[in-house]
């Protein structure tokens, strides 16, 4: 079973679990990319992001 991903919801102003979380690459300063998780707040349905460390593969 997949581990729950926790992120900060700016609408609820609380850390909550992400629903339908998937790993993506976000643009970073300097033209590179940065790993992140993208999902939806389980309470309000707002889009959520969690930026991961650069070395997370």
PDB file of N, CA and C in Angstrom:
ATOM      1  N   UNK A   1       0.842  -1.191   0.000  1.00  0.00           N
ATOM      2  CA  UNK A   1       0.000   0.000   0.000  1.00  0.00           C
ATOM      3  C   UNK A   1       0.877   1.240   0.000  1.00  0.00           C
ATOM      4  N   UNK A   2       0.477   2.252  -0.747  1.00  0.00           N
ATOM      5  CA  UNK A   2       1.261   3.474  -0.881  1.00  0.00           C
ATOM      6  C   UNK A   2       1.207   4.295   0.402  1.00  0.00           C
ATOM      7  N   UNK A   3       2.317   4.949   0.675  1.00  0.00           N
ATOM      8  CA  UNK A   3       2.418   5.805   1.853  1.00  0.00           C
ATOM      9  C   UNK A   3       1.675   7.110   1.603  1.00  0.00           C
ATOM     10  N   UNK A   4       0.975   7.615   2.600  1.00  0.00           N
ATOM     11  CA  UNK A   4       0.232   8.869   2.470  1.00  0.00           C
ATOM     12  C   UNK A   4       1.209  10.034   2.381  1.00  0.00           C
ATOM     13  N   UNK A   5       0.944  10.961   1.471  1.00  0.00           N
ATOM     14  CA  UNK A   5       1.777  12.145   1.306  1.00  0.00           C
ATOM     15  C   UNK A   5       1.098  13.300   2.036  1.00  0.00           C
ATOM     16  N   UNK A   6       1.852  13.961   2.906  1.00  0.00           N
ATOM     17  CA  UNK A   6       1.330  15.078   3.677  1.00  0.00           C
ATOM     18  C   UNK A   6       1.881  16.371   3.089  1.00  0.00           C
ATOM     19  N   UNK A   7       0.997  17.342   2.857  1.00  0.00           N
ATOM     20  CA  UNK A   7       1.383  18.649   2.346  1.00  0.00           C
ATOM     21  C   UNK A   7       0.594  19.737   3.045  1.00  0.00           C
ATOM     22  N   UNK A   8       0.942  20.989   2.792  1.00  0.00           N
ATOM     23  CA  UNK A   8       0.264  22.117   3.424  1.00  0.00           C
ATOM     24  C   UNK A   8      -0.810  22.648   2.486  1.00  0.00           C
ATOM     25  N   UNK A   9      -2.041  22.722   2.982  1.00  0.00           N
ATOM     26  CA  UNK A   9      -3.153  23.280   2.208  1.00  0.00           C
ATOM     27  C   UNK A   9      -3.264  24.761   2.547  1.00  0.00           C
ATOM     28  N   UNK A  10      -3.121  25.624   1.564  1.00  0.00           N
ATOM     29  CA  UNK A  10      -3.184  27.069   1.818  1.00  0.00           C
ATOM     30  C   UNK A  10      -4.605  27.540   2.073  1.00  0.00           C
ATOM     31  N   UNK A  11      -5.591  26.779   1.650  1.00  0.00           N
ATOM     32  CA  UNK A  11      -6.982  27.164   1.893  1.00  0.00           C
ATOM     33  C   UNK A  11      -7.401  26.776   3.321  1.00  0.00           C
ATOM     34  N   UNK A  12      -7.079  25.558   3.746  1.00  0.00           N
ATOM     35  CA  UNK A  12      -7.407  25.098   5.100  1.00  0.00           C
ATOM     36  C   UNK A  12      -6.429  25.651   6.147  1.00  0.00           C
ATOM     37  N   UNK A  13      -5.234  26.051   5.688  1.00  0.00           N
ATOM     38  CA  UNK A  13      -4.144  26.508   6.555  1.00  0.00           C
ATOM     39  C   UNK A  13      -3.726  25.431   7.559  1.00  0.00           C
ATOM     40  N   UNK A  14      -3.668  24.196   7.068  1.00  0.00           N
ATOM     41  CA  UNK A  14      -3.258  23.045   7.872  1.00  0.00           C
ATOM     42  C   UNK A  14      -2.508  22.051   6.995  1.00  0.00           C
ATOM     43  N   UNK A  15      -1.693  21.214   7.638  1.00  0.00           N
ATOM     44  CA  UNK A  15      -1.070  20.101   6.926  1.00  0.00           C
ATOM     45  C   UNK A  15      -2.107  19.003   6.817  1.00  0.00           C
ATOM     46  N   UNK A  16      -2.297  18.518   5.599  1.00  0.00           N
ATOM     47  CA  UNK A  16      -3.297  17.475   5.339  1.00  0.00           C
ATOM     48  C   UNK A  16      -2.741  16.449   4.359  1.00  0.00           C
ATOM     49  N   UNK A  17      -3.437  15.338   4.285  1.00  0.00           N
ATOM     50  CA  UNK A  17      -3.076  14.281   3.347  1.00  0.00           C
ATOM     51  C   UNK A  17      -3.475  14.691   1.932  1.00  0.00           C
ATOM     52  N   UNK A  18      -2.643  14.299   0.958  1.00  0.00           N
ATOM     53  CA  UNK A  18      -2.944  14.563  -0.449  1.00  0.00           C
ATOM     54  C   UNK A  18      -3.636  13.353  -1.053  1.00  0.00           C
ATOM     55  N   UNK A  19      -4.697  13.604  -1.789  1.00  0.00           N
ATOM     56  CA  UNK A  19      -5.405  12.559  -2.522  1.00  0.00           C
ATOM     57  C   UNK A  19      -4.890  12.588  -3.965  1.00  0.00           C
ATOM     58  N   UNK A  20      -4.774  11.446  -4.594  1.00  0.00           N
ATOM     59  CA  UNK A  20      -4.302  11.322  -5.981  1.00  0.00           C
ATOM     60  C   UNK A  20      -2.926  11.943  -6.174  1.00  0.00           C
ATOM     61  N   UNK A  21      -2.022  11.765  -5.202  1.00  0.00           N
ATOM     62  CA  UNK A  21      -0.677  12.343  -5.276  1.00  0.00           C
ATOM     63  C   UNK A  21       0.136  11.665  -6.375  1.00  0.00           C
ATOM     64  N   UNK A  22       0.867  12.466  -7.146  1.00  0.00           N
ATOM     65  CA  UNK A  22       1.752  11.945  -8.176  1.00  0.00           C
ATOM     66  C   UNK A  22       3.018  12.795  -8.238  1.00  0.00           C
ATOM     67  N   UNK A  23       4.127  12.149  -8.555  1.00  0.00           N
ATOM     68  CA  UNK A  23       5.407  12.834  -8.614  1.00  0.00           C
ATOM     69  C   UNK A  23       5.519  13.572  -9.946  1.00  0.00           C
ATOM     70  N   UNK A  24       5.968  14.842  -9.880  1.00  0.00           N
ATOM     71  CA  UNK A  24       6.142  15.667 -11.075  1.00  0.00           C
ATOM     72  C   UNK A  24       7.489  16.377 -10.999  1.00  0.00           C
ATOM     73  N   UNK A  25       7.872  17.060 -12.061  1.00  0.00           N
ATOM     74  CA  UNK A  25       9.063  17.892 -12.106  1.00  0.00           C
ATOM     75  C   UNK A  25       8.620  19.342 -12.290  1.00  0.00           C
ATOM     76  N   UNK A  26       8.976  20.216 -11.351  1.00  0.00           N
ATOM     77  CA  UNK A  26       8.624  21.632 -11.434  1.00  0.00           C
ATOM     78  C   UNK A  26       9.834  22.424 -11.912  1.00  0.00           C
ATOM     79  N   UNK A  27       9.614  23.535 -12.642  1.00  0.00           N
ATOM     80  CA  UNK A  27      10.735  24.382 -13.031  1.00  0.00           C
ATOM     81  C   UNK A  27      11.393  25.000 -11.793  1.00  0.00           C
ATOM     82  N   UNK A  28      12.720  25.136 -11.833  1.00  0.00           N
ATOM     83  CA  UNK A  28      13.465  25.698 -10.713  1.00  0.00           C
ATOM     84  C   UNK A  28      14.252  26.918 -11.176  1.00  0.00           C
ATOM     85  N   UNK A  29      14.726  27.686 -10.220  1.00  0.00           N
ATOM     86  CA  UNK A  29      15.571  28.834 -10.553  1.00  0.00           C
ATOM     87  C   UNK A  29      16.812  28.339 -11.275  1.00  0.00           C
ATOM     88  N   UNK A  30      17.282  29.085 -12.249  1.00  0.00           N
ATOM     89  CA  UNK A  30      18.470  28.694 -12.988  1.00  0.00           C
ATOM     90  C   UNK A  30      18.177  27.782 -14.160  1.00  0.00           C
ATOM     91  N   UNK A  31      16.924  27.522 -14.461  1.00  0.00           N
ATOM     92  CA  UNK A  31      16.569  26.752 -15.645  1.00  0.00           C
ATOM     93  C   UNK A  31      16.459  25.256 -15.463  1.00  0.00           C
ATOM     94  N   UNK A  32      16.753  24.726 -14.288  1.00  0.00           N
ATOM     95  CA  UNK A  32      16.652  23.287 -14.068  1.00  0.00           C
ATOM     96  C   UNK A  32      15.241  22.879 -13.676  1.00  0.00           C
ATOM     97  N   UNK A  33      15.131  21.677 -13.123  1.00  0.00           N
ATOM     98  CA  UNK A  33      13.842  21.201 -12.630  1.00  0.00           C
ATOM     99  C   UNK A  33      13.997  20.740 -11.190  1.00  0.00           C
ATOM    100  N   UNK A  34      12.886  20.633 -10.501  1.00  0.00           N
ATOM    101  CA  UNK A  34      12.874  20.236  -9.098  1.00  0.00           C
ATOM    102  C   UNK A  34      11.784  19.190  -8.892  1.00  0.00           C
ATOM    103  N   UNK A  35      12.070  18.075  -8.201  1.00  0.00           N
ATOM    104  CA  UNK A  35      11.030  17.080  -7.954  1.00  0.00           C
ATOM    105  C   UNK A  35       9.985  17.608  -6.971  1.00  0.00           C
ATOM    106  N   UNK A  36       8.739  17.242  -7.181  1.00  0.00           N
ATOM    107  CA  UNK A  36       7.645  17.672  -6.308  1.00  0.00           C
ATOM    108  C   UNK A  36       6.525  16.652  -6.365  1.00  0.00           C
ATOM    109  N   UNK A  37       5.621  16.755  -5.409  1.00  0.00           N
ATOM    110  CA  UNK A  37       4.411  15.936  -5.400  1.00  0.00           C
ATOM    111  C   UNK A  37       3.225  16.861  -5.635  1.00  0.00           C
ATOM    112  N   UNK A  38       2.291  16.423  -6.461  1.00  0.00           N
ATOM    113  CA  UNK A  38       1.098  17.202  -6.772  1.00  0.00           C
ATOM    114  C   UNK A  38      -0.110  16.355  -6.412  1.00  0.00           C
ATOM    115  N   UNK A  39      -1.064  16.970  -5.709  1.00  0.00           N
ATOM    116  CA  UNK A  39      -2.254  16.241  -5.312  1.00  0.00           C
ATOM    117  C   UNK A  39      -3.400  17.178  -4.982  1.00  0.00           C
ATOM    118  N   UNK A  40      -4.419  16.641  -4.320  1.00  0.00           N
ATOM    119  CA  UNK A  40      -5.623  17.392  -3.979  1.00  0.00           C
ATOM    120  C   UNK A  40      -5.889  17.212  -2.483  1.00  0.00           C
ATOM    121  N   UNK A  41      -6.274  18.280  -1.794  1.00  0.00           N
ATOM    122  CA  UNK A  41      -6.606  18.231  -0.368  1.00  0.00           C
ATOM    123  C   UNK A  41      -7.830  17.339  -0.168  1.00  0.00           C
ATOM    124  N   UNK A  42      -7.753  16.442   0.814  1.00  0.00           N
ATOM    125  CA  UNK A  42      -8.872  15.533   1.069  1.00  0.00           C
ATOM    126  C   UNK A  42     -10.066  16.254   1.704  1.00  0.00           C
ATOM    127  N   UNK A  43      -9.834  17.397   2.347  1.00  0.00           N
ATOM    128  CA  UNK A  43     -10.915  18.112   3.031  1.00  0.00           C
ATOM    129  C   UNK A  43     -11.668  19.072   2.118  1.00  0.00           C
ATOM    130  N   UNK A  44     -10.919  19.886   1.325  1.00  0.00           N
ATOM    131  CA  UNK A  44     -11.589  20.952   0.563  1.00  0.00           C
ATOM    132  C   UNK A  44     -11.454  20.809  -0.953  1.00  0.00           C
ATOM    133  N   UNK A  45     -10.566  19.941  -1.430  1.00  0.00           N
ATOM    134  CA  UNK A  45     -10.422  19.729  -2.868  1.00  0.00           C
ATOM    135  C   UNK A  45      -9.489  20.698  -3.568  1.00  0.00           C
ATOM    136  N   UNK A  46      -8.785  21.542  -2.821  1.00  0.00           N
ATOM    137  CA  UNK A  46      -7.840  22.490  -3.409  1.00  0.00           C
ATOM    138  C   UNK A  46      -6.580  21.763  -3.867  1.00  0.00           C
ATOM    139  N   UNK A  47      -5.990  22.208  -4.979  1.00  0.00           N
ATOM    140  CA  UNK A  47      -4.737  21.641  -5.449  1.00  0.00           C
ATOM    141  C   UNK A  47      -3.623  21.915  -4.463  1.00  0.00           C
ATOM    142  N   UNK A  48      -2.755  20.911  -4.236  1.00  0.00           N
ATOM    143  CA  UNK A  48      -1.646  21.031  -3.292  1.00  0.00           C
ATOM    144  C   UNK A  48      -0.357  20.597  -3.964  1.00  0.00           C
ATOM    145  N   UNK A  49       0.754  21.193  -3.530  1.00  0.00           N
ATOM    146  CA  UNK A  49       2.081  20.816  -3.989  1.00  0.00           C
ATOM    147  C   UNK A  49       2.986  20.641  -2.789  1.00  0.00           C
ATOM    148  N   UNK A  50       3.929  19.723  -2.889  1.00  0.00           N
ATOM    149  CA  UNK A  50       4.970  19.554  -1.867  1.00  0.00           C
ATOM    150  C   UNK A  50       6.292  19.426  -2.614  1.00  0.00           C
ATOM    151  N   UNK A  51       7.190  20.370  -2.391  1.00  0.00           N
ATOM    152  CA  UNK A  51       8.482  20.345  -3.054  1.00  0.00           C
ATOM    153  C   UNK A  51       9.383  19.371  -2.294  1.00  0.00           C
ATOM    154  N   UNK A  52      10.017  18.471  -3.047  1.00  0.00           N
ATOM    155  CA  UNK A  52      10.874  17.429  -2.477  1.00  0.00           C
ATOM    156  C   UNK A  52      12.336  17.851  -2.567  1.00  0.00           C
ATOM    157  N   UNK A  53      13.205  17.204  -1.777  1.00  0.00           N
ATOM    158  CA  UNK A  53      14.645  17.488  -1.878  1.00  0.00           C
ATOM    159  C   UNK A  53      15.159  17.135  -3.273  1.00  0.00           C
ATOM    160  N   UNK A  54      16.199  17.828  -3.704  1.00  0.00           N
ATOM    161  CA  UNK A  54      16.748  17.599  -5.044  1.00  0.00           C
ATOM    162  C   UNK A  54      17.243  16.166  -5.244  1.00  0.00           C
ATOM    163  N   UNK A  55      17.737  15.540  -4.197  1.00  0.00           N
ATOM    164  CA  UNK A  55      18.284  14.195  -4.332  1.00  0.00           C
ATOM    165  C   UNK A  55      17.231  13.092  -4.225  1.00  0.00           C
ATOM    166  N   UNK A  56      15.959  13.415  -4.062  1.00  0.00           N
ATOM    167  CA  UNK A  56      14.898  12.395  -4.001  1.00  0.00           C
ATOM    168  C   UNK A  56      14.667  11.825  -5.399  1.00  0.00           C
ATOM    169  N   UNK A  57      14.880  10.556  -5.567  1.00  0.00           N
ATOM    170  CA  UNK A  57      14.705   9.909  -6.882  1.00  0.00           C
ATOM    171  C   UNK A  57      13.499   9.027  -6.859  1.00  0.00           C
TER     172      UNK A  57
END
